[in-house]
Amino acid sequence: MLRSEKSQQIDFIKSRFDKMTSAVFVDFQGMTVEEVTKLRDGLRAKGVEYKVVKNKLVRHALKGAPWLKGLDSTLKGMTGVAWSYEEPSAAAKVLKEFIKENEKLKIKAGLLEGQILDGKGVENQLAALPGKNEARAALLATLMAPAQRMVTLLSAPAGNFVRLLKAKEQKG
């Protein structure tokens, strides 16, 4: 690879890490082309970018990052990186589901807001984070709860009065 090509690759990788919300490093050794294509399609459908990278180029791209030293054991062997740009848990969720069907894929590590997660941390913590729509629904439910309670409290006296009139009518 020419020096200019290496420089372009390093810039590409650096730009992906600069704009990502999370990244997941995987080992795809032993997977067939069809399996990798299926994985790429699943990731693309969720807005996740996946690329096979050279470990040395990743090290150059991340030079100066405080957490780079923690990735030393991760950046060995075959490495693919899945970058999530909007939902931090998107890549982890797709990869966790994919591993259920294909055990050849191994999650090496994850990166979330400068924190390095091991493979189990990615599967158990990062993949468990709610998606954007789930978080919005939870927030909306929290905001709506006091209003719903107030409506219930305000309508209770009227409902009680109607039941009282109905009971009086049936009795008399």
C-alpha atoms as a PDB file:
ATOM      1  CA  MET A   1       0.000   0.000   0.000  1.00  0.00           C
ATOM      2  CA  LEU A   2       1.358   3.411  -0.930  1.00  0.00           C
ATOM      3  CA  ARG A   3       1.981   6.033   1.715  1.00  0.00           C
ATOM      4  CA  SER A   4      -0.794   8.248   0.269  1.00  0.00           C
ATOM      5  CA  GLU A   5      -3.255   5.334   0.399  1.00  0.00           C
ATOM      6  CA  LYS A   6      -2.311   4.648   4.016  1.00  0.00           C
ATOM      7  CA  SER A   7      -2.782   8.317   4.839  1.00  0.00           C
ATOM      8  CA  GLN A   8      -6.243   8.286   3.231  1.00  0.00           C
ATOM      9  CA  GLN A   9      -7.205   5.135   5.156  1.00  0.00           C
ATOM     10  CA  ILE A  10      -5.998   6.641   8.432  1.00  0.00           C
ATOM     11  CA  ASP A  11      -7.980   9.835   7.772  1.00  0.00           C
ATOM     12  CA  PHE A  12     -11.065   7.761   6.905  1.00  0.00           C
ATOM     13  CA  ILE A  13     -10.817   5.700  10.102  1.00  0.00           C
ATOM     14  CA  LYS A  14     -10.149   8.797  12.231  1.00  0.00           C
ATOM     15  CA  SER A  15     -13.193  10.583  10.782  1.00  0.00           C
ATOM     16  CA  ARG A  16     -15.405   7.604  11.648  1.00  0.00           C
ATOM     17  CA  PHE A  17     -14.192   7.541  15.243  1.00  0.00           C
ATOM     18  CA  ASP A  18     -14.628  11.325  15.498  1.00  0.00           C
ATOM     19  CA  LYS A  19     -18.314  11.270  14.541  1.00  0.00           C
ATOM     20  CA  MET A  20     -19.416   7.954  16.101  1.00  0.00           C
ATOM     21  CA  THR A  21     -21.508   7.569  19.241  1.00  0.00           C
ATOM     22  CA  SER A  22     -20.187   4.039  19.765  1.00  0.00           C
ATOM     23  CA  ALA A  23     -17.982   1.476  18.058  1.00  0.00           C
ATOM     24  CA  VAL A  24     -17.811  -2.290  18.344  1.00  0.00           C
ATOM     25  CA  PHE A  25     -14.716  -4.287  17.394  1.00  0.00           C
ATOM     26  CA  VAL A  26     -15.341  -7.819  16.106  1.00  0.00           C
ATOM     27  CA  ASP A  27     -13.353 -10.849  15.015  1.00  0.00           C
ATOM     28  CA  PHE A  28     -14.956 -12.398  11.926  1.00  0.00           C
ATOM     29  CA  GLN A  29     -12.422 -15.189  11.355  1.00  0.00           C
ATOM     30  CA  GLY A  30     -13.943 -18.318   9.814  1.00  0.00           C
ATOM     31  CA  MET A  31     -17.019 -16.594   8.395  1.00  0.00           C
ATOM     32  CA  THR A  32     -18.002 -17.127   4.768  1.00  0.00           C
ATOM     33  CA  VAL A  33     -18.606 -14.321   2.284  1.00  0.00           C
ATOM     34  CA  GLU A  34     -22.364 -14.972   2.467  1.00  0.00           C
ATOM     35  CA  GLU A  35     -22.342 -14.696   6.259  1.00  0.00           C
ATOM     36  CA  VAL A  36     -20.358 -11.448   6.196  1.00  0.00           C
ATOM     37  CA  THR A  37     -22.696 -10.057   3.530  1.00  0.00           C
ATOM     38  CA  LYS A  38     -25.701 -10.916   5.690  1.00  0.00           C
ATOM     39  CA  LEU A  39     -24.018  -9.205   8.657  1.00  0.00           C
ATOM     40  CA  ARG A  40     -23.266  -6.082   6.607  1.00  0.00           C
ATOM     41  CA  ASP A  41     -26.881  -5.933   5.378  1.00  0.00           C
ATOM     42  CA  GLY A  42     -28.218  -6.207   8.928  1.00  0.00           C
ATOM     43  CA  LEU A  43     -25.908  -3.465  10.163  1.00  0.00           C
ATOM     44  CA  ARG A  44     -26.658  -1.187   7.200  1.00  0.00           C
ATOM     45  CA  ALA A  45     -30.418  -1.566   7.820  1.00  0.00           C
ATOM     46  CA  LYS A  46     -29.905  -0.086  11.316  1.00  0.00           C
ATOM     47  CA  GLY A  47     -27.706   2.798  10.129  1.00  0.00           C
ATOM     48  CA  VAL A  48     -24.448   1.208  11.279  1.00  0.00           C
ATOM     49  CA  GLU A  49     -21.282   1.384   9.181  1.00  0.00           C
ATOM     50  CA  TYR A  50     -19.056  -1.692   9.137  1.00  0.00           C
ATOM     51  CA  LYS A  51     -15.527  -1.916   7.793  1.00  0.00           C
ATOM     52  CA  VAL A  52     -12.689  -4.398   7.994  1.00  0.00           C
ATOM     53  CA  VAL A  53      -9.639  -2.458   9.169  1.00  0.00           C
ATOM     54  CA  LYS A  54      -5.937  -3.011   9.598  1.00  0.00           C
ATOM     55  CA  ASN A  55      -5.008  -2.853  13.260  1.00  0.00           C
ATOM     56  CA  LYS A  56      -1.899  -0.768  12.586  1.00  0.00           C
ATOM     57  CA  LEU A  57      -3.963   1.850  10.713  1.00  0.00           C
ATOM     58  CA  VAL A  58      -6.451   2.035  13.585  1.00  0.00           C
ATOM     59  CA  ARG A  59      -3.583   2.636  16.001  1.00  0.00           C
ATOM     60  CA  HIS A  60      -2.300   5.474  13.798  1.00  0.00           C
ATOM     61  CA  ALA A  61      -5.789   6.956  13.422  1.00  0.00           C
ATOM     62  CA  LEU A  62      -6.400   6.918  17.168  1.00  0.00           C
ATOM     63  CA  LYS A  63      -2.943   8.190  18.125  1.00  0.00           C
ATOM     64  CA  GLY A  64      -3.324  10.568  21.055  1.00  0.00           C
ATOM     65  CA  ALA A  65      -6.644   9.135  22.256  1.00  0.00           C
ATOM     66  CA  PRO A  66      -6.438   8.453  26.020  1.00  0.00           C
ATOM     67  CA  TRP A  67      -8.175   5.079  25.694  1.00  0.00           C
ATOM     68  CA  LEU A  68      -5.992   3.720  22.851  1.00  0.00           C
ATOM     69  CA  LYS A  69      -3.756   1.807  25.290  1.00  0.00           C
ATOM     70  CA  GLY A  70      -6.825  -0.142  26.477  1.00  0.00           C
ATOM     71  CA  LEU A  71      -7.372  -1.437  22.935  1.00  0.00           C
ATOM     72  CA  ASP A  72      -3.966  -3.154  22.661  1.00  0.00           C
ATOM     73  CA  SER A  73      -5.374  -6.648  23.179  1.00  0.00           C
ATOM     74  CA  THR A  74      -8.347  -5.863  20.906  1.00  0.00           C
ATOM     75  CA  LEU A  75      -6.263  -4.745  17.937  1.00  0.00           C
ATOM     76  CA  LYS A  76      -4.816  -8.172  17.175  1.00  0.00           C
ATOM     77  CA  GLY A  77      -5.830 -10.646  14.499  1.00  0.00           C
ATOM     78  CA  MET A  78      -8.694  -9.985  12.091  1.00  0.00           C
ATOM     79  CA  THR A  79     -10.647  -6.889  13.066  1.00  0.00           C
ATOM     80  CA  GLY A  80     -13.875  -5.387  11.817  1.00  0.00           C
ATOM     81  CA  VAL A  81     -15.349  -2.202  13.276  1.00  0.00           C
ATOM     82  CA  ALA A  82     -19.039  -1.342  13.417  1.00  0.00           C
ATOM     83  CA  TRP A  83     -19.648   2.372  14.004  1.00  0.00           C
ATOM     84  CA  SER A  84     -23.003   3.645  15.301  1.00  0.00           C
ATOM     85  CA  TYR A  85     -23.663   7.297  14.615  1.00  0.00           C
ATOM     86  CA  GLU A  86     -27.111   7.965  16.075  1.00  0.00           C
ATOM     87  CA  GLU A  87     -28.111   5.209  18.478  1.00  0.00           C
ATOM     88  CA  PRO A  88     -25.185   3.988  20.604  1.00  0.00           C
ATOM     89  CA  SER A  89     -26.730   0.552  21.039  1.00  0.00           C
ATOM     90  CA  ALA A  90     -27.581  -0.105  17.364  1.00  0.00           C
ATOM     91  CA  ALA A  91     -24.401  -1.980  16.401  1.00  0.00           C
ATOM     92  CA  ALA A  92     -24.307  -3.970  19.641  1.00  0.00           C
ATOM     93  CA  LYS A  93     -27.922  -5.091  19.233  1.00  0.00           C
ATOM     94  CA  VAL A  94     -27.444  -6.237  15.628  1.00  0.00           C
ATOM     95  CA  LEU A  95     -24.206  -8.055  16.463  1.00  0.00           C
ATOM     96  CA  LYS A  96     -25.730  -9.743  19.522  1.00  0.00           C
ATOM     97  CA  GLU A  97     -28.620 -11.036  17.396  1.00  0.00           C
ATOM     98  CA  PHE A  98     -26.274 -12.154  14.634  1.00  0.00           C
ATOM     99  CA  ILE A  99     -24.120 -14.138  17.068  1.00  0.00           C
ATOM    100  CA  LYS A 100     -27.172 -16.214  18.026  1.00  0.00           C
ATOM    101  CA  GLU A 101     -27.233 -17.571  14.453  1.00  0.00           C
ATOM    102  CA  ASN A 102     -23.491 -17.522  13.756  1.00  0.00           C
ATOM    103  CA  GLU A 103     -21.092 -18.288  16.589  1.00  0.00           C
ATOM    104  CA  LYS A 104     -18.026 -17.664  14.394  1.00  0.00           C
ATOM    105  CA  LEU A 105     -18.414 -13.923  14.941  1.00  0.00           C
ATOM    106  CA  LYS A 106     -16.785 -12.784  18.180  1.00  0.00           C
ATOM    107  CA  ILE A 107     -17.199  -9.389  19.815  1.00  0.00           C
ATOM    108  CA  LYS A 108     -13.754  -8.235  20.940  1.00  0.00           C
ATOM    109  CA  ALA A 109     -14.587  -4.914  22.585  1.00  0.00           C
ATOM    110  CA  GLY A 110     -16.703  -1.801  22.394  1.00  0.00           C
ATOM    111  CA  LEU A 111     -16.150   1.897  22.745  1.00  0.00           C
ATOM    112  CA  LEU A 112     -18.758   4.225  24.218  1.00  0.00           C
ATOM    113  CA  GLU A 113     -17.978   7.823  25.159  1.00  0.00           C
ATOM    114  CA  GLY A 114     -14.299   7.099  25.703  1.00  0.00           C
ATOM    115  CA  GLN A 115     -15.003   4.022  27.832  1.00  0.00           C
ATOM    116  CA  ILE A 116     -13.821   0.616  26.662  1.00  0.00           C
ATOM    117  CA  LEU A 117     -16.160  -2.315  27.207  1.00  0.00           C
ATOM    118  CA  ASP A 118     -15.079  -5.935  26.878  1.00  0.00           C
ATOM    119  CA  GLY A 119     -17.030  -8.363  24.685  1.00  0.00           C
ATOM    120  CA  LYS A 120     -19.435  -9.353  27.472  1.00  0.00           C
ATOM    121  CA  GLY A 121     -19.931  -5.698  28.396  1.00  0.00           C
ATOM    122  CA  VAL A 122     -20.961  -4.934  24.830  1.00  0.00           C
ATOM    123  CA  GLU A 123     -23.457  -7.807  24.781  1.00  0.00           C
ATOM    124  CA  ASN A 124     -24.877  -7.235  28.283  1.00  0.00           C
ATOM    125  CA  GLN A 125     -24.665  -3.466  28.764  1.00  0.00           C
ATOM    126  CA  LEU A 126     -24.381  -1.655  25.438  1.00  0.00           C
ATOM    127  CA  ALA A 127     -26.910  -3.887  23.665  1.00  0.00           C
ATOM    128  CA  ALA A 128     -29.326  -3.388  26.581  1.00  0.00           C
ATOM    129  CA  LEU A 129     -29.410   0.402  26.200  1.00  0.00           C
ATOM    130  CA  PRO A 130     -32.743   1.635  24.882  1.00  0.00           C
ATOM    131  CA  GLY A 131     -32.902   2.865  21.308  1.00  0.00           C
ATOM    132  CA  LYS A 132     -33.825   6.439  20.463  1.00  0.00           C
ATOM    133  CA  ASN A 133     -37.534   5.676  19.995  1.00  0.00           C
ATOM    134  CA  GLU A 134     -37.688   3.586  23.180  1.00  0.00           C
ATOM    135  CA  ALA A 135     -36.091   6.413  25.168  1.00  0.00           C
ATOM    136  CA  ARG A 136     -38.513   8.942  23.673  1.00  0.00           C
ATOM    137  CA  ALA A 137     -41.488   6.745  24.599  1.00  0.00           C
ATOM    138  CA  ALA A 138     -40.243   6.373  28.179  1.00  0.00           C
ATOM    139  CA  LEU A 139     -39.699  10.125  28.475  1.00  0.00           C
ATOM    140  CA  LEU A 140     -43.149  10.868  27.065  1.00  0.00           C
ATOM    141  CA  ALA A 141     -44.766   8.398  29.473  1.00  0.00           C
ATOM    142  CA  THR A 142     -42.950  10.056  32.373  1.00  0.00           C
ATOM    143  CA  LEU A 143     -44.061  13.509  31.273  1.00  0.00           C
ATOM    144  CA  MET A 144     -47.672  12.384  30.704  1.00  0.00           C
ATOM    145  CA  ALA A 145     -48.117  10.582  34.045  1.00  0.00           C
ATOM    146  CA  PRO A 146     -48.853  13.674  36.206  1.00  0.00           C
ATOM    147  CA  ALA A 147     -51.386  14.986  33.678  1.00  0.00           C
ATOM    148  CA  GLN A 148     -53.127  11.605  33.532  1.00  0.00           C
ATOM    149  CA  ARG A 149     -53.321  11.444  37.329  1.00  0.00           C
ATOM    150  CA  MET A 150     -54.749  14.953  37.485  1.00  0.00           C
ATOM    151  CA  VAL A 151     -57.467  14.120  34.943  1.00  0.00           C
ATOM    152  CA  THR A 152     -58.351  11.015  36.963  1.00  0.00           C
ATOM    153  CA  LEU A 153     -58.566  13.037  40.207  1.00  0.00           C
ATOM    154  CA  LEU A 154     -60.668  15.785  38.605  1.00  0.00           C
ATOM    155  CA  SER A 155     -63.089  13.344  37.033  1.00  0.00           C
ATOM    156  CA  ALA A 156     -63.509  11.242  40.210  1.00  0.00           C
ATOM    157  CA  PRO A 157     -66.049  13.529  41.978  1.00  0.00           C
ATOM    158  CA  ALA A 158     -68.225  13.760  38.867  1.00  0.00           C
ATOM    159  CA  GLY A 159     -68.095   9.988  38.444  1.00  0.00           C
ATOM    160  CA  ASN A 160     -69.008   9.463  42.097  1.00  0.00           C
ATOM    161  CA  PHE A 161     -71.935  11.876  41.777  1.00  0.00           C
ATOM    162  CA  VAL A 162     -73.238  10.038  38.687  1.00  0.00           C
ATOM    163  CA  ARG A 163     -73.020   6.696  40.510  1.00  0.00           C
ATOM    164  CA  LEU A 164     -74.868   8.216  43.480  1.00  0.00           C
ATOM    165  CA  LEU A 165     -77.703   9.413  41.213  1.00  0.00           C
ATOM    166  CA  LYS A 166     -77.843   6.017  39.497  1.00  0.00           C
ATOM    167  CA  ALA A 167     -78.079   4.216  42.863  1.00  0.00           C
ATOM    168  CA  LYS A 168     -80.811   6.645  44.036  1.00  0.00           C
ATOM    169  CA  GLU A 169     -82.739   6.054  40.806  1.00  0.00           C
ATOM    170  CA  GLN A 170     -82.548   2.258  41.148  1.00  0.00           C
ATOM    171  CA  LYS A 171     -83.598   2.391  44.816  1.00  0.00           C
ATOM    172  CA  GLY A 172     -86.442   4.756  44.408  1.00  0.00           C
END
